[in-house]
Structure formats: C-alpha cells, structure tokens
Amino acid sequence: QVQLVESGGGLVQARGSLRLSCAASTSIFDIDFIRWYRQPPGNERELVAARTSMGSKAYADSVKGRFTISSDNAKNTVYLQMNSLNPEDSAVYYCNAIKGSNSYWGQGTQVTVPS
C-alpha cells in the first residue's frame, strides 16, 4: 500500500509559478512510476509529467519547457515545478504511483489561474 499526499496548489496569476508536492508513504525508489495528472473542470484526467524509479522523465507537449518533475529521495517526495502558468493550466492536479500491478492516487490539489 502506498499513500500519497499532494500539496502546494492555490490561486496564482497568469505567468506565475507554483510548486506542487507529492509525499509518498514509502521510498520512491520502490515505486516504478510516479506521475502527475490533471483534470480541468468538465474534462478527462490527462497525464502531465512522469518519472520512473530510474529517474527518467517525460512531459506532455502542453507543458514541456514550463513544468519540471523532480524528487527529494530523502523526503520520499516528488515535486512538480510549474512556471509560466496560464488559465488553461487550471485543474485539480493528482499524483499517481505505480508499484507492481497496483496504482495509487492522492486526493488532488486545486490549481487556479484566473483569465
């Protein structure tokens, strides 16, 4: 069982920045994939960024060059640094962990960028 707790969301003006945190209840070295998803109002959940246990990273085209996924292994925490935010980035952001055949989700954190 892996528990995930997201934090760091909030209201930010366009072109601003936020850093989201995803604290895991286990070592992130034991997690095969950690991903950030987001779900805008009325839309489906979409993959934003991903990190493998070996440190490989991948991003959705819509956030490349603006968002960065990183980790603090000592704190079992994965971050999503979000820069140059725009209203289209407004969504509930979720952390997802894949360990073996199991998938775990956090409760989500709201990011709002007013137009």
N, C-alpha and C. Protein backbone atom coordinates (compact mmCIF):
# COMPACT_ATOMS: atom_id res chain seq x y z
N GLN A 1 0.84 -1.19 0.00
CA GLN A 1 0.00 0.00 0.00
C GLN A 1 0.88 1.25 0.00
N VAL A 2 0.55 2.19 -0.88
CA VAL A 2 1.27 3.46 -0.96
C VAL A 2 0.26 4.58 -0.75
N GLN A 3 0.54 5.43 0.20
CA GLN A 3 -0.31 6.62 0.40
C GLN A 3 0.40 7.83 -0.16
N LEU A 4 -0.37 8.67 -0.82
CA LEU A 4 0.17 9.87 -1.46
C LEU A 4 -0.59 11.08 -0.97
N VAL A 5 0.15 12.13 -0.63
CA VAL A 5 -0.48 13.37 -0.17
C VAL A 5 0.08 14.51 -1.00
N GLU A 6 -0.80 15.16 -1.77
CA GLU A 6 -0.40 16.31 -2.56
C GLU A 6 -0.60 17.59 -1.76
N SER A 7 0.20 18.58 -2.10
CA SER A 7 0.05 19.91 -1.51
C SER A 7 0.67 20.92 -2.46
N GLY A 8 0.41 22.20 -2.18
CA GLY A 8 1.05 23.25 -2.94
C GLY A 8 0.18 23.95 -3.95
N GLY A 9 -1.05 23.49 -4.12
CA GLY A 9 -1.93 24.15 -5.06
C GLY A 9 -2.40 25.50 -4.53
N GLY A 10 -3.09 26.23 -5.38
CA GLY A 10 -3.61 27.52 -4.96
C GLY A 10 -3.99 28.38 -6.14
N LEU A 11 -4.19 29.65 -5.86
CA LEU A 11 -4.55 30.65 -6.86
C LEU A 11 -3.29 31.41 -7.24
N VAL A 12 -3.02 31.48 -8.53
CA VAL A 12 -1.83 32.19 -9.00
C VAL A 12 -2.19 32.95 -10.27
N GLN A 13 -1.62 34.11 -10.42
CA GLN A 13 -1.88 34.93 -11.61
C GLN A 13 -1.16 34.34 -12.83
N ALA A 14 -1.67 34.65 -13.98
CA ALA A 14 -1.05 34.21 -15.23
C ALA A 14 0.42 34.62 -15.28
N ARG A 15 1.23 33.72 -15.81
CA ARG A 15 2.69 33.86 -15.90
C ARG A 15 3.39 33.63 -14.56
N GLY A 16 2.61 33.26 -13.54
CA GLY A 16 3.20 32.96 -12.25
C GLY A 16 3.66 31.51 -12.15
N SER A 17 4.12 31.14 -10.95
CA SER A 17 4.67 29.80 -10.71
C SER A 17 4.09 29.20 -9.45
N LEU A 18 4.06 27.88 -9.44
CA LEU A 18 3.70 27.11 -8.25
C LEU A 18 4.55 25.85 -8.23
N ARG A 19 4.76 25.33 -7.03
CA ARG A 19 5.41 24.03 -6.91
C ARG A 19 4.50 23.09 -6.13
N LEU A 20 4.10 22.03 -6.77
CA LEU A 20 3.29 21.02 -6.13
C LEU A 20 4.19 19.94 -5.52
N SER A 21 3.75 19.38 -4.41
CA SER A 21 4.48 18.31 -3.75
C SER A 21 3.60 17.07 -3.65
N CYS A 22 4.23 15.92 -3.76
CA CYS A 22 3.55 14.64 -3.59
C CYS A 22 4.41 13.82 -2.62
N ALA A 23 3.93 13.71 -1.39
CA ALA A 23 4.67 12.97 -0.38
C ALA A 23 4.16 11.53 -0.33
N ALA A 24 5.09 10.58 -0.50
CA ALA A 24 4.74 9.16 -0.51
C ALA A 24 5.03 8.53 0.84
N SER A 25 4.28 7.49 1.16
CA SER A 25 4.45 6.81 2.45
C SER A 25 5.55 5.75 2.40
N THR A 26 6.16 5.59 1.22
CA THR A 26 7.23 4.63 1.06
C THR A 26 8.35 5.26 0.24
N SER A 27 9.49 4.61 0.22
CA SER A 27 10.59 5.13 -0.56
C SER A 27 10.21 5.20 -2.04
N ILE A 28 10.54 6.31 -2.67
CA ILE A 28 10.21 6.44 -4.08
C ILE A 28 11.07 5.53 -4.95
N PHE A 29 12.14 4.99 -4.38
CA PHE A 29 12.93 4.01 -5.11
C PHE A 29 12.15 2.71 -5.31
N ASP A 30 11.16 2.49 -4.44
CA ASP A 30 10.35 1.28 -4.53
C ASP A 30 9.13 1.45 -5.43
N ILE A 31 8.98 2.63 -5.98
CA ILE A 31 7.83 2.93 -6.85
C ILE A 31 8.30 2.91 -8.29
N ASP A 32 7.60 2.17 -9.13
CA ASP A 32 8.04 2.02 -10.52
C ASP A 32 7.88 3.31 -11.31
N PHE A 33 6.71 3.95 -11.17
CA PHE A 33 6.43 5.21 -11.87
C PHE A 33 5.72 6.14 -10.91
N ILE A 34 6.07 7.40 -10.96
CA ILE A 34 5.28 8.43 -10.30
C ILE A 34 4.87 9.42 -11.37
N ARG A 35 3.59 9.71 -11.43
CA ARG A 35 3.07 10.58 -12.48
C ARG A 35 2.23 11.69 -11.87
N TRP A 36 2.23 12.81 -12.54
CA TRP A 36 1.30 13.89 -12.24
C TRP A 36 0.25 13.93 -13.34
N TYR A 37 -1.01 13.94 -12.93
CA TYR A 37 -2.14 14.11 -13.83
C TYR A 37 -2.87 15.39 -13.44
N ARG A 38 -3.69 15.87 -14.36
CA ARG A 38 -4.57 16.98 -14.01
C ARG A 38 -5.93 16.76 -14.65
N GLN A 39 -6.94 17.32 -14.02
CA GLN A 39 -8.30 17.21 -14.54
C GLN A 39 -8.96 18.57 -14.50
N PRO A 40 -9.03 19.24 -15.67
CA PRO A 40 -9.73 20.52 -15.72
C PRO A 40 -11.23 20.31 -15.54
N PRO A 41 -11.96 21.33 -15.16
CA PRO A 41 -13.41 21.19 -14.98
C PRO A 41 -14.09 20.70 -16.25
N GLY A 42 -14.90 19.67 -16.12
CA GLY A 42 -15.64 19.15 -17.26
C GLY A 42 -14.82 18.36 -18.26
N ASN A 43 -13.57 18.08 -17.92
CA ASN A 43 -12.71 17.35 -18.86
C ASN A 43 -12.16 16.08 -18.21
N GLU A 44 -11.57 15.24 -19.04
CA GLU A 44 -10.99 14.00 -18.53
C GLU A 44 -9.63 14.27 -17.91
N ARG A 45 -9.22 13.35 -17.08
CA ARG A 45 -7.91 13.45 -16.47
C ARG A 45 -6.84 13.21 -17.53
N GLU A 46 -5.79 14.02 -17.51
CA GLU A 46 -4.74 13.91 -18.51
C GLU A 46 -3.38 13.84 -17.83
N LEU A 47 -2.48 13.10 -18.47
CA LEU A 47 -1.12 12.96 -17.96
C LEU A 47 -0.33 14.23 -18.22
N VAL A 48 0.36 14.69 -17.20
CA VAL A 48 1.14 15.92 -17.31
C VAL A 48 2.64 15.62 -17.33
N ALA A 49 3.09 14.81 -16.38
CA ALA A 49 4.52 14.51 -16.26
C ALA A 49 4.68 13.17 -15.57
N ALA A 50 5.82 12.52 -15.85
CA ALA A 50 6.06 11.20 -15.28
C ALA A 50 7.54 11.03 -14.95
N ARG A 51 7.79 10.23 -13.95
CA ARG A 51 9.15 9.93 -13.53
C ARG A 51 9.23 8.44 -13.21
N THR A 52 10.26 7.78 -13.73
CA THR A 52 10.46 6.38 -13.40
C THR A 52 11.36 6.24 -12.18
N SER A 53 11.43 5.04 -11.64
CA SER A 53 12.29 4.80 -10.48
C SER A 53 13.77 4.98 -10.83
N MET A 54 14.10 4.89 -12.13
CA MET A 54 15.48 5.09 -12.57
C MET A 54 15.76 6.56 -12.84
N GLY A 55 14.75 7.42 -12.72
CA GLY A 55 14.98 8.85 -12.88
C GLY A 55 14.63 9.40 -14.25
N SER A 56 14.17 8.56 -15.17
CA SER A 56 13.75 9.08 -16.47
C SER A 56 12.50 9.94 -16.32
N LYS A 57 12.39 10.95 -17.17
CA LYS A 57 11.26 11.89 -17.07
C LYS A 57 10.61 12.09 -18.44
N ALA A 58 9.34 12.38 -18.40
CA ALA A 58 8.61 12.66 -19.63
C ALA A 58 7.52 13.67 -19.32
N TYR A 59 7.15 14.45 -20.35
CA TYR A 59 6.18 15.53 -20.18
C TYR A 59 5.18 15.54 -21.32
N ALA A 60 3.98 16.00 -21.01
CA ALA A 60 3.01 16.27 -22.05
C ALA A 60 3.50 17.46 -22.88
N ASP A 61 3.15 17.47 -24.16
CA ASP A 61 3.59 18.55 -25.04
C ASP A 61 3.13 19.91 -24.53
N SER A 62 1.97 19.94 -23.91
CA SER A 62 1.40 21.23 -23.48
C SER A 62 2.17 21.87 -22.33
N VAL A 63 3.03 21.10 -21.66
CA VAL A 63 3.75 21.66 -20.51
C VAL A 63 5.27 21.62 -20.69
N LYS A 64 5.74 21.05 -21.78
CA LYS A 64 7.19 20.96 -22.00
C LYS A 64 7.81 22.35 -21.97
N GLY A 65 8.92 22.46 -21.26
CA GLY A 65 9.62 23.73 -21.16
C GLY A 65 9.08 24.62 -20.05
N ARG A 66 7.92 24.26 -19.48
CA ARG A 66 7.34 25.08 -18.42
C ARG A 66 7.28 24.32 -17.09
N PHE A 67 7.03 23.02 -17.16
CA PHE A 67 6.89 22.20 -15.96
C PHE A 67 8.11 21.30 -15.82
N THR A 68 8.49 21.05 -14.56
CA THR A 68 9.62 20.16 -14.28
C THR A 68 9.26 19.24 -13.13
N ILE A 69 9.46 17.94 -13.35
CA ILE A 69 9.24 16.96 -12.28
C ILE A 69 10.60 16.64 -11.65
N SER A 70 10.63 16.63 -10.32
CA SER A 70 11.86 16.33 -9.61
C SER A 70 11.53 15.59 -8.32
N SER A 71 12.55 15.21 -7.59
CA SER A 71 12.29 14.44 -6.37
C SER A 71 13.32 14.74 -5.30
N ASP A 72 12.91 14.53 -4.08
CA ASP A 72 13.81 14.55 -2.92
C ASP A 72 13.69 13.16 -2.31
N ASN A 73 14.66 12.32 -2.60
CA ASN A 73 14.57 10.93 -2.19
C ASN A 73 14.55 10.78 -0.67
N ALA A 74 15.27 11.65 0.00
CA ALA A 74 15.32 11.56 1.47
C ALA A 74 13.96 11.86 2.10
N LYS A 75 13.16 12.65 1.40
CA LYS A 75 11.84 13.02 1.92
C LYS A 75 10.72 12.19 1.27
N ASN A 76 11.09 11.26 0.40
CA ASN A 76 10.08 10.45 -0.32
C ASN A 76 9.05 11.35 -0.99
N THR A 77 9.51 12.41 -1.58
CA THR A 77 8.62 13.43 -2.15
C THR A 77 8.99 13.71 -3.60
N VAL A 78 7.96 13.82 -4.42
CA VAL A 78 8.13 14.21 -5.82
C VAL A 78 7.46 15.57 -6.00
N TYR A 79 8.11 16.42 -6.77
CA TYR A 79 7.63 17.78 -6.97
C TYR A 79 7.24 17.99 -8.43
N LEU A 80 6.37 18.95 -8.63
CA LEU A 80 6.06 19.44 -9.97
C LEU A 80 6.19 20.95 -9.93
N GLN A 81 7.30 21.44 -10.49
CA GLN A 81 7.51 22.88 -10.59
C GLN A 81 6.80 23.36 -11.84
N MET A 82 5.92 24.33 -11.67
CA MET A 82 5.12 24.82 -12.77
C MET A 82 5.40 26.31 -12.96
N ASN A 83 5.93 26.66 -14.11
CA ASN A 83 6.26 28.05 -14.43
C ASN A 83 5.42 28.53 -15.60
N SER A 84 5.37 29.84 -15.76
CA SER A 84 4.63 30.45 -16.87
C SER A 84 3.21 29.89 -16.97
N LEU A 85 2.54 29.85 -15.84
CA LEU A 85 1.19 29.29 -15.80
C LEU A 85 0.22 30.16 -16.58
N ASN A 86 -0.76 29.51 -17.18
CA ASN A 86 -1.81 30.22 -17.90
C ASN A 86 -3.16 29.62 -17.50
N PRO A 87 -4.25 30.28 -17.86
CA PRO A 87 -5.57 29.80 -17.42
C PRO A 87 -5.87 28.36 -17.84
N GLU A 88 -5.29 27.90 -18.95
CA GLU A 88 -5.52 26.52 -19.40
C GLU A 88 -4.88 25.49 -18.47
N ASP A 89 -4.03 25.94 -17.58
CA ASP A 89 -3.42 25.03 -16.60
C ASP A 89 -4.30 24.82 -15.37
N SER A 90 -5.39 25.56 -15.28
CA SER A 90 -6.29 25.41 -14.14
C SER A 90 -6.89 24.01 -14.12
N ALA A 91 -6.77 23.34 -12.99
CA ALA A 91 -7.24 21.96 -12.88
C ALA A 91 -6.99 21.46 -11.46
N VAL A 92 -7.55 20.29 -11.17
CA VAL A 92 -7.13 19.57 -9.98
C VAL A 92 -5.97 18.68 -10.40
N TYR A 93 -4.87 18.77 -9.71
CA TYR A 93 -3.67 18.01 -10.02
C TYR A 93 -3.57 16.83 -9.06
N TYR A 94 -3.33 15.66 -9.65
CA TYR A 94 -3.25 14.42 -8.88
C TYR A 94 -1.89 13.77 -9.05
N CYS A 95 -1.43 13.18 -7.99
CA CYS A 95 -0.22 12.37 -8.01
C CYS A 95 -0.65 10.90 -8.10
N ASN A 96 0.06 10.15 -8.93
CA ASN A 96 -0.25 8.74 -9.14
C ASN A 96 1.03 7.93 -9.03
N ALA A 97 0.95 6.81 -8.30
CA ALA A 97 2.12 5.94 -8.15
C ALA A 97 1.76 4.54 -8.64
N ILE A 98 2.68 3.98 -9.42
CA ILE A 98 2.54 2.61 -9.90
C ILE A 98 3.61 1.76 -9.24
N LYS A 99 3.15 0.75 -8.50
CA LYS A 99 4.09 -0.17 -7.85
C LYS A 99 3.62 -1.58 -8.17
N GLY A 100 4.40 -2.26 -8.98
CA GLY A 100 3.97 -3.57 -9.44
C GLY A 100 2.70 -3.44 -10.26
N SER A 101 1.69 -4.19 -9.88
CA SER A 101 0.42 -4.16 -10.60
C SER A 101 -0.59 -3.23 -9.94
N ASN A 102 -0.15 -2.47 -8.97
CA ASN A 102 -1.07 -1.61 -8.22
C ASN A 102 -0.87 -0.14 -8.58
N SER A 103 -1.99 0.58 -8.57
CA SER A 103 -1.99 2.01 -8.86
C SER A 103 -2.59 2.74 -7.67
N TYR A 104 -1.94 3.81 -7.26
CA TYR A 104 -2.37 4.57 -6.10
C TYR A 104 -2.52 6.03 -6.48
N TRP A 105 -3.51 6.68 -5.88
CA TRP A 105 -3.79 8.09 -6.18
C TRP A 105 -3.83 8.91 -4.90
N GLY A 106 -3.40 10.14 -5.03
CA GLY A 106 -3.59 11.09 -3.96
C GLY A 106 -4.96 11.73 -4.07
N GLN A 107 -5.23 12.67 -3.17
CA GLN A 107 -6.56 13.29 -3.11
C GLN A 107 -6.70 14.46 -4.06
N GLY A 108 -5.60 14.93 -4.59
CA GLY A 108 -5.62 16.05 -5.53
C GLY A 108 -5.43 17.39 -4.85
N THR A 109 -4.92 18.33 -5.63
CA THR A 109 -4.76 19.70 -5.16
C THR A 109 -5.16 20.64 -6.29
N GLN A 110 -5.93 21.67 -5.94
CA GLN A 110 -6.51 22.57 -6.94
C GLN A 110 -5.51 23.65 -7.33
N VAL A 111 -5.37 23.86 -8.62
CA VAL A 111 -4.58 24.97 -9.16
C VAL A 111 -5.52 25.84 -9.99
N THR A 112 -5.55 27.12 -9.68
CA THR A 112 -6.43 28.04 -10.40
C THR A 112 -5.62 29.22 -10.91
N VAL A 113 -5.72 29.44 -12.21
CA VAL A 113 -5.06 30.57 -12.86
C VAL A 113 -6.15 31.40 -13.51
N PRO A 114 -6.53 32.51 -12.94
CA PRO A 114 -7.64 33.31 -13.49
C PRO A 114 -7.28 33.89 -14.86
N SER A 115 -8.30 33.99 -15.69
CA SER A 115 -8.08 34.59 -17.02
C SER A 115 -8.26 36.10 -16.97
